[in-house]
């Protein structure tokens, strides 16, 4: 199947089997994507830095994690719309946290139901979230993944991204992987050639899938 066929399939695939994974940093370019995906995907998994604003919008204490307060109203609106459209919008349920972003820093495992301490920030999804996201991935009909799920450049905070990449690569689920950071993470894990379609320029993929081209 050609690259454009994969993108067309992602655009036209029935809602029930289409899984979207959104991560990375910066909600400014992610919120319109999530909003458009509510009309296309049956399930949306949100990780990375962008997840923490969504978590705060849902009333979760995220400590010193990066939160884009200006986008809180829009996140609340998207959470509400997802429920109205019966789209499952899933956020991290546990975390790997630390006081700063560096390789040798002491980490704390934040279990489900626990709050991230005020002096710490969430830097990767936890093991229970990895299991949750992996379970959703292997039963999908098609996957679109845009943006890593943690600070993948540092091994301490790379497990969420690398483990989900491995799960999808070892499955039979067609997957479209896009965005420079996520492609670099896939290359680091030695998995970049294991996906149905990869594209460094996320704009190309997103405009096609979301029906803008």
N, C-alpha and C. Protein backbone atom coordinates (compact mmCIF):
# COMPACT_ATOMS: atom_id res chain seq x y z
N UNK A 1 0.86 -1.20 0.00
CA UNK A 1 0.00 0.00 0.00
C UNK A 1 0.89 1.25 0.00
N UNK A 2 0.57 2.23 -0.85
CA UNK A 2 1.39 3.43 -0.94
C UNK A 2 1.18 4.33 0.27
N UNK A 3 2.08 5.33 0.42
CA UNK A 3 1.97 6.26 1.54
C UNK A 3 0.63 6.98 1.54
N UNK A 4 0.22 7.46 0.37
CA UNK A 4 -1.03 8.21 0.32
C UNK A 4 -2.22 7.31 0.64
N UNK A 5 -2.12 6.02 0.30
CA UNK A 5 -3.20 5.09 0.65
C UNK A 5 -3.32 4.95 2.16
N UNK A 6 -2.18 4.91 2.85
CA UNK A 6 -2.23 4.81 4.31
C UNK A 6 -2.90 6.05 4.90
N UNK A 7 -2.56 7.22 4.36
CA UNK A 7 -3.15 8.45 4.88
C UNK A 7 -4.65 8.51 4.57
N UNK A 8 -5.02 8.07 3.39
CA UNK A 8 -6.44 8.05 3.03
C UNK A 8 -7.21 7.09 3.92
N UNK A 9 -6.60 5.94 4.22
CA UNK A 9 -7.25 4.97 5.09
C UNK A 9 -7.46 5.56 6.48
N UNK A 10 -6.46 6.29 6.98
CA UNK A 10 -6.61 6.92 8.29
C UNK A 10 -7.74 7.93 8.29
N UNK A 11 -7.91 8.63 7.16
CA UNK A 11 -8.98 9.62 7.08
C UNK A 11 -10.35 8.97 6.99
N UNK A 12 -10.42 7.87 6.27
CA UNK A 12 -11.72 7.26 5.95
C UNK A 12 -12.08 6.07 6.83
N UNK A 13 -11.16 5.63 7.68
CA UNK A 13 -11.38 4.43 8.47
C UNK A 13 -12.56 4.62 9.42
N UNK A 14 -13.39 3.61 9.60
CA UNK A 14 -14.50 3.72 10.56
C UNK A 14 -14.00 4.11 11.94
N UNK A 15 -14.79 4.90 12.63
CA UNK A 15 -14.40 5.47 13.91
C UNK A 15 -14.00 4.40 14.93
N UNK A 16 -14.71 3.28 14.96
CA UNK A 16 -14.51 2.30 16.01
C UNK A 16 -13.08 1.78 16.10
N UNK A 17 -12.42 1.57 14.96
CA UNK A 17 -11.10 0.96 14.98
C UNK A 17 -9.94 1.93 14.90
N UNK A 18 -10.21 3.22 14.82
CA UNK A 18 -9.16 4.22 14.62
C UNK A 18 -8.70 4.74 15.99
N UNK A 19 -7.44 4.46 16.32
CA UNK A 19 -6.84 4.90 17.57
C UNK A 19 -5.82 6.00 17.29
N UNK A 20 -5.94 7.13 17.97
CA UNK A 20 -4.96 8.21 17.86
C UNK A 20 -4.18 8.33 19.16
N UNK A 21 -2.87 8.57 19.04
CA UNK A 21 -2.00 8.78 20.20
C UNK A 21 -1.35 10.15 20.02
N UNK A 22 -1.57 11.04 20.95
CA UNK A 22 -1.04 12.40 20.87
C UNK A 22 -0.14 12.66 22.07
N UNK A 23 1.10 13.07 21.81
CA UNK A 23 2.05 13.36 22.89
C UNK A 23 2.86 14.59 22.57
N UNK A 24 4.08 14.63 23.09
CA UNK A 24 4.96 15.76 22.82
C UNK A 24 4.70 16.95 23.71
N UNK A 25 5.16 18.11 23.24
CA UNK A 25 5.03 19.35 24.00
C UNK A 25 4.26 20.37 23.16
N UNK A 26 3.70 21.37 23.81
CA UNK A 26 3.05 22.45 23.10
C UNK A 26 1.65 22.14 22.65
N UNK A 27 0.66 22.64 23.40
CA UNK A 27 -0.75 22.38 23.08
C UNK A 27 -1.25 23.21 21.92
N UNK A 28 -0.55 24.29 21.57
CA UNK A 28 -1.03 25.18 20.53
C UNK A 28 -1.32 24.47 19.23
N UNK A 29 -0.46 23.52 18.83
CA UNK A 29 -0.68 22.81 17.58
C UNK A 29 -1.33 21.46 17.79
N UNK A 30 -1.50 21.04 19.03
CA UNK A 30 -2.10 19.73 19.31
C UNK A 30 -3.61 19.82 19.53
N UNK A 31 -4.09 20.90 20.11
CA UNK A 31 -5.53 20.99 20.41
C UNK A 31 -6.40 20.96 19.15
N UNK A 32 -6.03 21.67 18.07
CA UNK A 32 -6.85 21.55 16.85
C UNK A 32 -6.86 20.13 16.30
N UNK A 33 -5.73 19.43 16.43
CA UNK A 33 -5.65 18.04 15.97
C UNK A 33 -6.59 17.16 16.78
N UNK A 34 -6.53 17.29 18.11
CA UNK A 34 -7.41 16.49 18.97
C UNK A 34 -8.87 16.81 18.68
N UNK A 35 -9.18 18.10 18.50
CA UNK A 35 -10.54 18.49 18.21
C UNK A 35 -11.05 17.85 16.92
N UNK A 36 -10.22 17.84 15.88
CA UNK A 36 -10.62 17.23 14.61
C UNK A 36 -10.72 15.71 14.74
N UNK A 37 -9.86 15.12 15.53
CA UNK A 37 -9.88 13.67 15.69
C UNK A 37 -11.12 13.16 16.41
N UNK A 38 -11.79 14.03 17.14
CA UNK A 38 -13.02 13.61 17.82
C UNK A 38 -14.09 13.16 16.84
N UNK A 39 -13.97 13.60 15.58
CA UNK A 39 -14.92 13.16 14.56
C UNK A 39 -14.43 11.96 13.78
N UNK A 40 -13.23 11.45 14.11
CA UNK A 40 -12.64 10.38 13.32
C UNK A 40 -12.21 9.17 14.15
N UNK A 41 -11.69 9.40 15.32
CA UNK A 41 -11.13 8.32 16.14
C UNK A 41 -12.14 7.82 17.16
N UNK A 42 -12.06 6.54 17.48
CA UNK A 42 -12.88 5.97 18.54
C UNK A 42 -12.23 6.14 19.90
N UNK A 43 -10.89 6.16 19.92
CA UNK A 43 -10.13 6.32 21.15
C UNK A 43 -8.95 7.24 20.89
N UNK A 44 -8.69 8.16 21.82
CA UNK A 44 -7.53 9.05 21.75
C UNK A 44 -6.75 8.91 23.05
N UNK A 45 -5.48 8.56 22.94
CA UNK A 45 -4.58 8.47 24.09
C UNK A 45 -3.73 9.73 24.12
N UNK A 46 -3.65 10.39 25.25
CA UNK A 46 -2.88 11.63 25.37
C UNK A 46 -1.78 11.42 26.40
N UNK A 47 -0.53 11.66 26.00
CA UNK A 47 0.61 11.54 26.89
C UNK A 47 1.56 12.71 26.69
N UNK A 48 2.79 12.55 27.16
CA UNK A 48 3.75 13.64 27.02
C UNK A 48 3.39 14.83 27.87
N UNK A 49 4.07 15.94 27.61
CA UNK A 49 3.83 17.15 28.39
C UNK A 49 2.40 17.66 28.22
N UNK A 50 1.84 17.47 27.03
CA UNK A 50 0.51 18.02 26.77
C UNK A 50 -0.55 17.39 27.66
N UNK A 51 -0.29 16.19 28.18
CA UNK A 51 -1.29 15.52 29.01
C UNK A 51 -1.54 16.24 30.33
N UNK A 52 -0.55 16.97 30.82
CA UNK A 52 -0.68 17.54 32.17
C UNK A 52 -1.69 18.69 32.22
N UNK A 53 -1.82 19.43 31.13
CA UNK A 53 -2.86 20.45 31.11
C UNK A 53 -4.23 19.80 31.09
N UNK A 54 -4.38 18.71 30.33
CA UNK A 54 -5.64 17.97 30.33
C UNK A 54 -5.96 17.41 31.72
N UNK A 55 -4.93 16.90 32.40
CA UNK A 55 -5.15 16.35 33.74
C UNK A 55 -5.63 17.42 34.71
N UNK A 56 -5.00 18.60 34.65
CA UNK A 56 -5.43 19.70 35.52
C UNK A 56 -6.85 20.11 35.16
N UNK A 57 -7.17 20.12 33.87
CA UNK A 57 -8.53 20.46 33.44
C UNK A 57 -9.55 19.48 34.00
N UNK A 58 -9.09 18.24 34.26
CA UNK A 58 -9.96 17.23 34.85
C UNK A 58 -9.91 17.17 36.35
N UNK A 59 -9.19 18.12 36.98
CA UNK A 59 -9.16 18.19 38.43
C UNK A 59 -8.05 17.39 39.10
N UNK A 60 -7.04 16.99 38.35
CA UNK A 60 -5.94 16.20 38.90
C UNK A 60 -4.78 17.11 39.29
N UNK A 61 -4.18 16.86 40.46
CA UNK A 61 -3.01 17.61 40.93
C UNK A 61 -1.75 17.06 40.26
N UNK A 62 -1.04 17.91 39.51
CA UNK A 62 0.13 17.43 38.77
C UNK A 62 1.44 18.04 39.27
N UNK A 63 1.43 18.61 40.48
CA UNK A 63 2.65 19.15 41.06
C UNK A 63 3.23 20.28 40.24
N UNK A 64 4.54 20.17 39.94
CA UNK A 64 5.26 21.22 39.22
C UNK A 64 5.33 20.92 37.72
N UNK A 65 4.52 19.98 37.25
CA UNK A 65 4.52 19.63 35.83
C UNK A 65 4.12 20.84 34.98
N UNK A 66 4.62 20.86 33.76
CA UNK A 66 4.32 21.96 32.85
C UNK A 66 2.85 21.96 32.49
N UNK A 67 2.18 23.06 32.79
CA UNK A 67 0.76 23.22 32.48
C UNK A 67 0.58 24.54 31.72
N UNK A 68 -0.12 24.48 30.59
CA UNK A 68 -0.39 25.67 29.80
C UNK A 68 -1.77 26.20 30.18
N UNK A 69 -1.77 27.08 31.18
CA UNK A 69 -3.03 27.52 31.80
C UNK A 69 -3.98 28.17 30.81
N UNK A 70 -3.45 28.86 29.80
CA UNK A 70 -4.32 29.53 28.83
C UNK A 70 -5.20 28.54 28.07
N UNK A 71 -4.77 27.28 28.02
CA UNK A 71 -5.51 26.28 27.25
C UNK A 71 -6.43 25.42 28.11
N UNK A 72 -6.51 25.71 29.40
CA UNK A 72 -7.36 24.90 30.27
C UNK A 72 -8.83 24.91 29.84
N UNK A 73 -9.41 26.06 29.49
CA UNK A 73 -10.81 26.04 29.06
C UNK A 73 -11.02 25.17 27.82
N UNK A 74 -10.11 25.22 26.86
CA UNK A 74 -10.24 24.41 25.66
C UNK A 74 -10.11 22.92 25.98
N UNK A 75 -9.21 22.59 26.90
CA UNK A 75 -9.06 21.18 27.30
C UNK A 75 -10.35 20.68 27.94
N UNK A 76 -10.94 21.49 28.81
CA UNK A 76 -12.21 21.09 29.43
C UNK A 76 -13.29 20.89 28.38
N UNK A 77 -13.31 21.77 27.39
CA UNK A 77 -14.29 21.66 26.31
C UNK A 77 -14.09 20.37 25.52
N UNK A 78 -12.83 20.01 25.23
CA UNK A 78 -12.56 18.80 24.47
C UNK A 78 -12.90 17.54 25.27
N UNK A 79 -12.64 17.57 26.57
CA UNK A 79 -13.01 16.44 27.42
C UNK A 79 -14.53 16.24 27.39
N UNK A 80 -15.27 17.35 27.46
CA UNK A 80 -16.72 17.28 27.42
C UNK A 80 -17.21 16.78 26.07
N UNK A 81 -16.62 17.29 24.98
CA UNK A 81 -17.05 16.88 23.64
C UNK A 81 -16.74 15.41 23.39
N UNK A 82 -15.60 14.95 23.89
CA UNK A 82 -15.27 13.54 23.73
C UNK A 82 -16.33 12.66 24.37
N UNK A 83 -16.77 13.04 25.56
CA UNK A 83 -17.82 12.26 26.25
C UNK A 83 -19.12 12.30 25.46
N UNK A 84 -19.46 13.46 24.91
CA UNK A 84 -20.70 13.60 24.15
C UNK A 84 -20.68 12.76 22.88
N UNK A 85 -19.49 12.63 22.28
CA UNK A 85 -19.35 11.88 21.03
C UNK A 85 -19.00 10.41 21.25
N UNK A 86 -18.95 10.01 22.52
CA UNK A 86 -18.58 8.63 22.87
C UNK A 86 -17.19 8.25 22.38
N UNK A 87 -16.30 9.23 22.37
CA UNK A 87 -14.89 9.00 22.06
C UNK A 87 -14.15 8.84 23.39
N UNK A 88 -13.38 7.78 23.52
CA UNK A 88 -12.64 7.52 24.77
C UNK A 88 -11.35 8.34 24.74
N UNK A 89 -11.29 9.38 25.55
CA UNK A 89 -10.11 10.23 25.67
C UNK A 89 -9.38 9.81 26.95
N UNK A 90 -8.29 9.05 26.79
CA UNK A 90 -7.60 8.45 27.93
C UNK A 90 -6.32 9.20 28.25
N UNK A 91 -6.13 9.53 29.53
CA UNK A 91 -4.96 10.25 30.02
C UNK A 91 -4.12 9.34 30.91
N UNK A 92 -2.86 9.71 31.17
CA UNK A 92 -2.01 8.88 32.05
C UNK A 92 -2.63 8.71 33.44
N UNK A 93 -2.50 7.49 33.97
CA UNK A 93 -3.03 7.21 35.31
C UNK A 93 -1.91 7.08 36.34
N UNK A 94 -0.67 6.96 35.88
CA UNK A 94 0.49 6.99 36.78
C UNK A 94 1.66 7.62 36.03
N UNK A 95 2.72 7.96 36.78
CA UNK A 95 3.76 8.81 36.21
C UNK A 95 5.15 8.46 36.76
N UNK A 96 6.17 8.84 35.99
CA UNK A 96 7.54 8.89 36.48
C UNK A 96 7.86 10.36 36.69
N UNK A 97 8.17 10.75 37.92
CA UNK A 97 8.36 12.16 38.25
C UNK A 97 9.76 12.41 38.81
N UNK A 98 10.20 13.65 38.69
CA UNK A 98 11.50 14.06 39.23
C UNK A 98 11.47 15.56 39.45
N UNK A 99 12.48 16.07 40.18
CA UNK A 99 12.52 17.50 40.46
C UNK A 99 13.09 18.29 39.29
N UNK A 100 13.86 17.63 38.42
CA UNK A 100 14.41 18.31 37.25
C UNK A 100 14.71 17.29 36.16
N UNK A 101 14.95 17.79 34.97
CA UNK A 101 15.16 16.94 33.81
C UNK A 101 16.66 16.75 33.59
N UNK A 102 17.18 15.65 34.10
CA UNK A 102 18.58 15.31 33.87
C UNK A 102 18.77 13.81 34.08
N UNK A 103 19.80 13.22 33.46
CA UNK A 103 19.94 11.75 33.44
C UNK A 103 20.05 11.08 34.80
N UNK A 104 20.77 11.65 35.74
CA UNK A 104 21.06 10.96 36.99
C UNK A 104 20.15 11.38 38.14
N UNK A 105 19.07 12.08 37.83
CA UNK A 105 18.19 12.58 38.88
C UNK A 105 17.44 11.41 39.54
N UNK A 106 17.13 11.58 40.82
CA UNK A 106 16.31 10.60 41.54
C UNK A 106 14.87 10.72 41.08
N UNK A 107 14.26 9.59 40.76
CA UNK A 107 12.89 9.60 40.28
C UNK A 107 11.93 9.07 41.35
N UNK A 108 10.68 9.39 41.17
CA UNK A 108 9.63 8.88 42.06
C UNK A 108 8.52 8.30 41.20
N UNK A 109 8.10 7.10 41.54
CA UNK A 109 6.98 6.47 40.84
C UNK A 109 5.68 6.97 41.47
N UNK A 110 4.88 7.64 40.69
CA UNK A 110 3.60 8.16 41.17
C UNK A 110 2.52 7.17 40.77
N UNK A 111 1.97 6.47 41.74
CA UNK A 111 0.98 5.42 41.45
C UNK A 111 -0.40 6.03 41.18
N UNK A 112 -1.25 5.22 40.59
CA UNK A 112 -2.60 5.66 40.29
C UNK A 112 -3.29 6.13 41.57
N UNK A 113 -3.88 7.30 41.51
CA UNK A 113 -4.57 7.87 42.67
C UNK A 113 -3.71 8.77 43.52
N UNK A 114 -2.39 8.74 43.30
CA UNK A 114 -1.47 9.61 44.04
C UNK A 114 -1.25 10.92 43.29
N UNK A 115 -0.96 11.97 44.04
CA UNK A 115 -0.64 13.26 43.43
C UNK A 115 0.87 13.38 43.23
N UNK A 116 1.25 14.07 42.18
CA UNK A 116 2.67 14.39 41.99
C UNK A 116 3.05 15.45 43.01
N UNK A 117 4.14 15.27 43.77
CA UNK A 117 4.55 16.27 44.78
C UNK A 117 4.75 17.65 44.16
N UNK A 118 4.56 18.68 44.98
CA UNK A 118 4.62 20.06 44.50
C UNK A 118 5.96 20.41 43.87
N UNK A 119 7.05 19.78 44.32
CA UNK A 119 8.38 20.12 43.81
C UNK A 119 8.81 19.22 42.65
N UNK A 120 7.92 18.35 42.19
CA UNK A 120 8.27 17.42 41.12
C UNK A 120 7.39 17.62 39.90
N UNK A 121 7.89 17.16 38.77
CA UNK A 121 7.12 17.21 37.53
C UNK A 121 7.04 15.84 36.90
N UNK A 122 5.94 15.56 36.23
CA UNK A 122 5.79 14.31 35.50
C UNK A 122 6.61 14.37 34.22
N UNK A 123 7.46 13.35 34.00
CA UNK A 123 8.36 13.36 32.85
C UNK A 123 8.21 12.13 31.96
N UNK A 124 7.39 11.18 32.38
CA UNK A 124 7.08 10.02 31.55
C UNK A 124 5.83 9.37 32.12
N UNK A 125 5.15 8.61 31.27
CA UNK A 125 4.02 7.84 31.78
C UNK A 125 4.54 6.67 32.61
N UNK A 126 3.74 6.23 33.57
CA UNK A 126 4.14 5.12 34.43
C UNK A 126 3.81 3.77 33.82
N UNK A 127 4.18 2.71 34.53
CA UNK A 127 4.04 1.35 33.99
C UNK A 127 2.59 0.94 33.79
N UNK A 128 1.69 1.39 34.67
CA UNK A 128 0.28 1.05 34.49
C UNK A 128 -0.30 1.75 33.26
N UNK A 129 0.15 2.97 33.01
CA UNK A 129 -0.30 3.67 31.81
C UNK A 129 0.25 3.00 30.56
N UNK A 130 1.50 2.54 30.63
CA UNK A 130 2.07 1.81 29.49
C UNK A 130 1.20 0.60 29.17
N UNK A 131 0.82 -0.15 30.21
CA UNK A 131 -0.04 -1.32 30.01
C UNK A 131 -1.39 -0.92 29.41
N UNK A 132 -1.97 0.16 29.94
CA UNK A 132 -3.25 0.64 29.46
C UNK A 132 -3.17 1.03 27.98
N UNK A 133 -2.17 1.83 27.64
CA UNK A 133 -2.03 2.31 26.26
C UNK A 133 -1.69 1.16 25.32
N UNK A 134 -0.82 0.25 25.76
CA UNK A 134 -0.46 -0.90 24.92
C UNK A 134 -1.68 -1.78 24.65
N UNK A 135 -2.52 -1.96 25.67
CA UNK A 135 -3.71 -2.76 25.50
C UNK A 135 -4.66 -2.15 24.48
N UNK A 136 -4.75 -0.83 24.46
CA UNK A 136 -5.58 -0.16 23.46
C UNK A 136 -4.98 -0.29 22.07
N UNK A 137 -3.65 -0.22 21.99
CA UNK A 137 -2.97 -0.25 20.69
C UNK A 137 -3.16 -1.59 19.98
N UNK A 138 -3.01 -2.68 20.72
CA UNK A 138 -3.02 -4.00 20.06
C UNK A 138 -4.42 -4.41 19.57
N UNK A 139 -5.45 -3.74 20.05
CA UNK A 139 -6.80 -4.09 19.59
C UNK A 139 -7.36 -3.06 18.60
N UNK A 140 -6.52 -2.11 18.19
CA UNK A 140 -6.96 -1.09 17.24
C UNK A 140 -7.00 -1.64 15.82
N UNK A 141 -7.73 -0.94 14.95
CA UNK A 141 -7.74 -1.30 13.54
C UNK A 141 -6.73 -0.50 12.75
N UNK A 142 -6.41 0.68 13.27
CA UNK A 142 -5.44 1.57 12.64
C UNK A 142 -4.98 2.58 13.69
N UNK A 143 -3.69 2.91 13.67
CA UNK A 143 -3.12 3.83 14.67
C UNK A 143 -2.49 5.03 13.98
N UNK A 144 -2.78 6.21 14.50
CA UNK A 144 -2.05 7.43 14.18
C UNK A 144 -1.36 7.89 15.46
N UNK A 145 -0.03 8.02 15.41
CA UNK A 145 0.72 8.46 16.61
C UNK A 145 1.53 9.68 16.25
N UNK A 146 1.32 10.75 17.04
CA UNK A 146 2.00 12.04 16.82
C UNK A 146 2.55 12.54 18.15
N UNK A 147 3.87 12.46 18.32
CA UNK A 147 4.52 13.00 19.51
C UNK A 147 4.84 11.97 20.57
N UNK A 148 6.05 12.01 21.16
CA UNK A 148 6.46 11.04 22.19
C UNK A 148 5.68 11.22 23.49
N UNK A 149 5.79 10.22 24.37
CA UNK A 149 5.00 10.19 25.61
C UNK A 149 5.78 10.63 26.84
N UNK A 150 7.05 10.96 26.68
CA UNK A 150 7.87 11.42 27.78
C UNK A 150 9.13 12.07 27.23
N UNK A 151 10.07 12.37 28.12
CA UNK A 151 11.35 12.96 27.71
C UNK A 151 12.23 11.83 27.17
N UNK A 152 11.94 11.39 25.96
CA UNK A 152 12.54 10.19 25.38
C UNK A 152 14.05 10.32 25.20
N UNK A 153 14.57 11.56 25.11
CA UNK A 153 16.01 11.76 24.90
C UNK A 153 16.84 11.25 26.07
N UNK A 154 16.23 11.19 27.26
CA UNK A 154 16.92 10.72 28.47
C UNK A 154 16.37 9.33 28.80
N UNK A 155 17.24 8.36 28.91
CA UNK A 155 16.81 6.97 29.10
C UNK A 155 15.88 6.80 30.29
N UNK A 156 16.12 7.56 31.35
CA UNK A 156 15.31 7.46 32.56
C UNK A 156 13.83 7.72 32.28
N UNK A 157 13.55 8.53 31.27
CA UNK A 157 12.18 8.94 30.98
C UNK A 157 11.73 8.50 29.58
N UNK A 158 12.33 7.44 29.08
CA UNK A 158 12.03 7.02 27.70
C UNK A 158 11.16 5.77 27.62
N UNK A 159 10.91 5.12 28.75
CA UNK A 159 10.23 3.82 28.72
C UNK A 159 8.84 3.89 28.10
N UNK A 160 8.07 4.91 28.42
CA UNK A 160 6.73 5.02 27.89
C UNK A 160 6.71 5.01 26.38
N UNK A 161 7.56 5.84 25.79
CA UNK A 161 7.63 5.93 24.33
C UNK A 161 8.20 4.65 23.73
N UNK A 162 9.32 4.17 24.26
CA UNK A 162 9.99 3.01 23.66
C UNK A 162 9.16 1.73 23.81
N UNK A 163 8.51 1.55 24.94
CA UNK A 163 7.72 0.33 25.14
C UNK A 163 6.49 0.31 24.24
N UNK A 164 5.86 1.47 24.06
CA UNK A 164 4.70 1.48 23.18
C UNK A 164 5.12 1.32 21.73
N UNK A 165 6.25 1.90 21.36
CA UNK A 165 6.78 1.68 20.01
C UNK A 165 7.01 0.19 19.77
N UNK A 166 7.61 -0.49 20.75
CA UNK A 166 7.86 -1.94 20.61
C UNK A 166 6.56 -2.71 20.47
N UNK A 167 5.59 -2.37 21.30
CA UNK A 167 4.30 -3.08 21.26
C UNK A 167 3.65 -2.96 19.89
N UNK A 168 3.62 -1.75 19.36
CA UNK A 168 2.98 -1.53 18.06
C UNK A 168 3.78 -2.19 16.95
N UNK A 169 5.12 -2.08 17.02
CA UNK A 169 5.98 -2.66 15.99
C UNK A 169 5.84 -4.17 15.92
N UNK A 170 5.58 -4.80 17.06
CA UNK A 170 5.46 -6.26 17.11
C UNK A 170 4.04 -6.75 16.82
N UNK A 171 3.12 -5.82 16.68
CA UNK A 171 1.73 -6.19 16.40
C UNK A 171 1.48 -6.19 14.90
N UNK A 172 0.28 -6.59 14.52
CA UNK A 172 -0.11 -6.56 13.12
C UNK A 172 -0.96 -5.33 12.80
N UNK A 173 -1.01 -4.37 13.71
CA UNK A 173 -1.87 -3.20 13.53
C UNK A 173 -1.18 -2.19 12.61
N UNK A 174 -1.82 -1.76 11.53
CA UNK A 174 -1.26 -0.72 10.68
C UNK A 174 -1.08 0.56 11.50
N UNK A 175 0.09 1.19 11.39
CA UNK A 175 0.37 2.36 12.21
C UNK A 175 1.06 3.45 11.40
N UNK A 176 0.57 4.67 11.54
CA UNK A 176 1.17 5.85 10.94
C UNK A 176 1.87 6.61 12.05
N UNK A 177 3.18 6.77 11.93
CA UNK A 177 4.00 7.44 12.95
C UNK A 177 4.50 8.76 12.37
N UNK A 178 4.25 9.87 13.07
CA UNK A 178 4.65 11.15 12.50
C UNK A 178 5.20 12.11 13.56
N UNK A 179 5.95 13.09 13.08
CA UNK A 179 6.60 14.07 13.96
C UNK A 179 8.07 13.77 14.12
N UNK A 180 8.90 14.79 14.04
CA UNK A 180 10.35 14.60 14.07
C UNK A 180 10.83 13.91 15.35
N UNK A 181 10.32 14.34 16.50
CA UNK A 181 10.78 13.78 17.77
C UNK A 181 10.42 12.30 17.89
N UNK A 182 9.21 11.95 17.49
CA UNK A 182 8.79 10.55 17.59
C UNK A 182 9.59 9.68 16.63
N UNK A 183 9.86 10.18 15.45
CA UNK A 183 10.67 9.41 14.50
C UNK A 183 12.08 9.21 15.02
N UNK A 184 12.65 10.23 15.66
CA UNK A 184 13.97 10.08 16.26
C UNK A 184 13.95 9.04 17.38
N UNK A 185 12.87 9.04 18.16
CA UNK A 185 12.73 8.04 19.22
C UNK A 185 12.64 6.64 18.64
N UNK A 186 11.91 6.50 17.53
CA UNK A 186 11.80 5.20 16.87
C UNK A 186 13.14 4.75 16.31
N UNK A 187 13.90 5.69 15.77
CA UNK A 187 15.24 5.37 15.27
C UNK A 187 16.16 4.95 16.42
N UNK A 188 16.07 5.65 17.52
CA UNK A 188 16.88 5.31 18.70
C UNK A 188 16.58 3.90 19.18
N UNK A 189 15.32 3.50 19.09
CA UNK A 189 14.91 2.16 19.52
C UNK A 189 15.14 1.11 18.45
N UNK A 190 15.62 1.52 17.27
CA UNK A 190 15.86 0.59 16.18
C UNK A 190 14.59 0.06 15.55
N UNK A 191 13.52 0.86 15.59
CA UNK A 191 12.21 0.39 15.13
C UNK A 191 11.62 1.22 14.00
N UNK A 192 12.37 2.18 13.49
CA UNK A 192 11.81 3.13 12.53
C UNK A 192 11.29 2.47 11.26
N UNK A 193 11.83 1.30 10.91
CA UNK A 193 11.41 0.63 9.68
C UNK A 193 10.31 -0.41 9.91
N UNK A 194 9.73 -0.41 11.11
CA UNK A 194 8.76 -1.45 11.46
C UNK A 194 7.31 -0.99 11.38
N UNK A 195 7.10 0.24 10.91
CA UNK A 195 5.75 0.78 10.88
C UNK A 195 5.25 0.90 9.45
N UNK A 196 3.92 0.96 9.30
CA UNK A 196 3.31 1.00 7.97
C UNK A 196 3.72 2.24 7.20
N UNK A 197 3.79 3.36 7.89
CA UNK A 197 4.14 4.61 7.23
C UNK A 197 4.72 5.56 8.26
N UNK A 198 5.85 6.18 7.95
CA UNK A 198 6.44 7.19 8.82
C UNK A 198 6.64 8.46 8.00
N UNK A 199 6.46 9.60 8.66
CA UNK A 199 6.63 10.89 7.98
C UNK A 199 7.13 11.91 8.99
N UNK A 200 8.32 12.45 8.75
CA UNK A 200 8.91 13.43 9.67
C UNK A 200 8.07 14.71 9.72
N UNK A 201 7.54 15.12 8.58
CA UNK A 201 6.75 16.35 8.52
C UNK A 201 5.30 16.05 8.93
N UNK A 202 4.99 16.30 10.16
CA UNK A 202 3.66 15.97 10.67
C UNK A 202 2.56 16.71 9.92
N UNK A 203 2.86 17.91 9.41
CA UNK A 203 1.85 18.68 8.70
C UNK A 203 1.28 17.90 7.53
N UNK A 204 2.15 17.18 6.81
CA UNK A 204 1.71 16.42 5.64
C UNK A 204 0.69 15.37 6.06
N UNK A 205 1.00 14.65 7.11
CA UNK A 205 0.13 13.58 7.59
C UNK A 205 -1.17 14.15 8.13
N UNK A 206 -1.08 15.14 8.99
CA UNK A 206 -2.26 15.65 9.66
C UNK A 206 -3.22 16.34 8.71
N UNK A 207 -2.70 17.10 7.76
CA UNK A 207 -3.58 17.77 6.81
C UNK A 207 -4.33 16.76 5.96
N UNK A 208 -3.67 15.66 5.61
CA UNK A 208 -4.33 14.64 4.79
C UNK A 208 -5.37 13.88 5.61
N UNK A 209 -4.97 13.42 6.80
CA UNK A 209 -5.88 12.64 7.63
C UNK A 209 -7.10 13.46 8.06
N UNK A 210 -6.87 14.73 8.36
CA UNK A 210 -7.96 15.54 8.86
C UNK A 210 -8.76 16.20 7.75
N UNK A 211 -8.45 15.81 6.50
CA UNK A 211 -9.26 16.24 5.38
C UNK A 211 -9.02 17.65 4.92
N UNK A 212 -7.79 18.15 5.12
CA UNK A 212 -7.47 19.53 4.71
C UNK A 212 -6.73 19.57 3.38
N UNK A 213 -6.47 18.38 2.80
CA UNK A 213 -5.79 18.35 1.52
C UNK A 213 -6.61 17.52 0.55
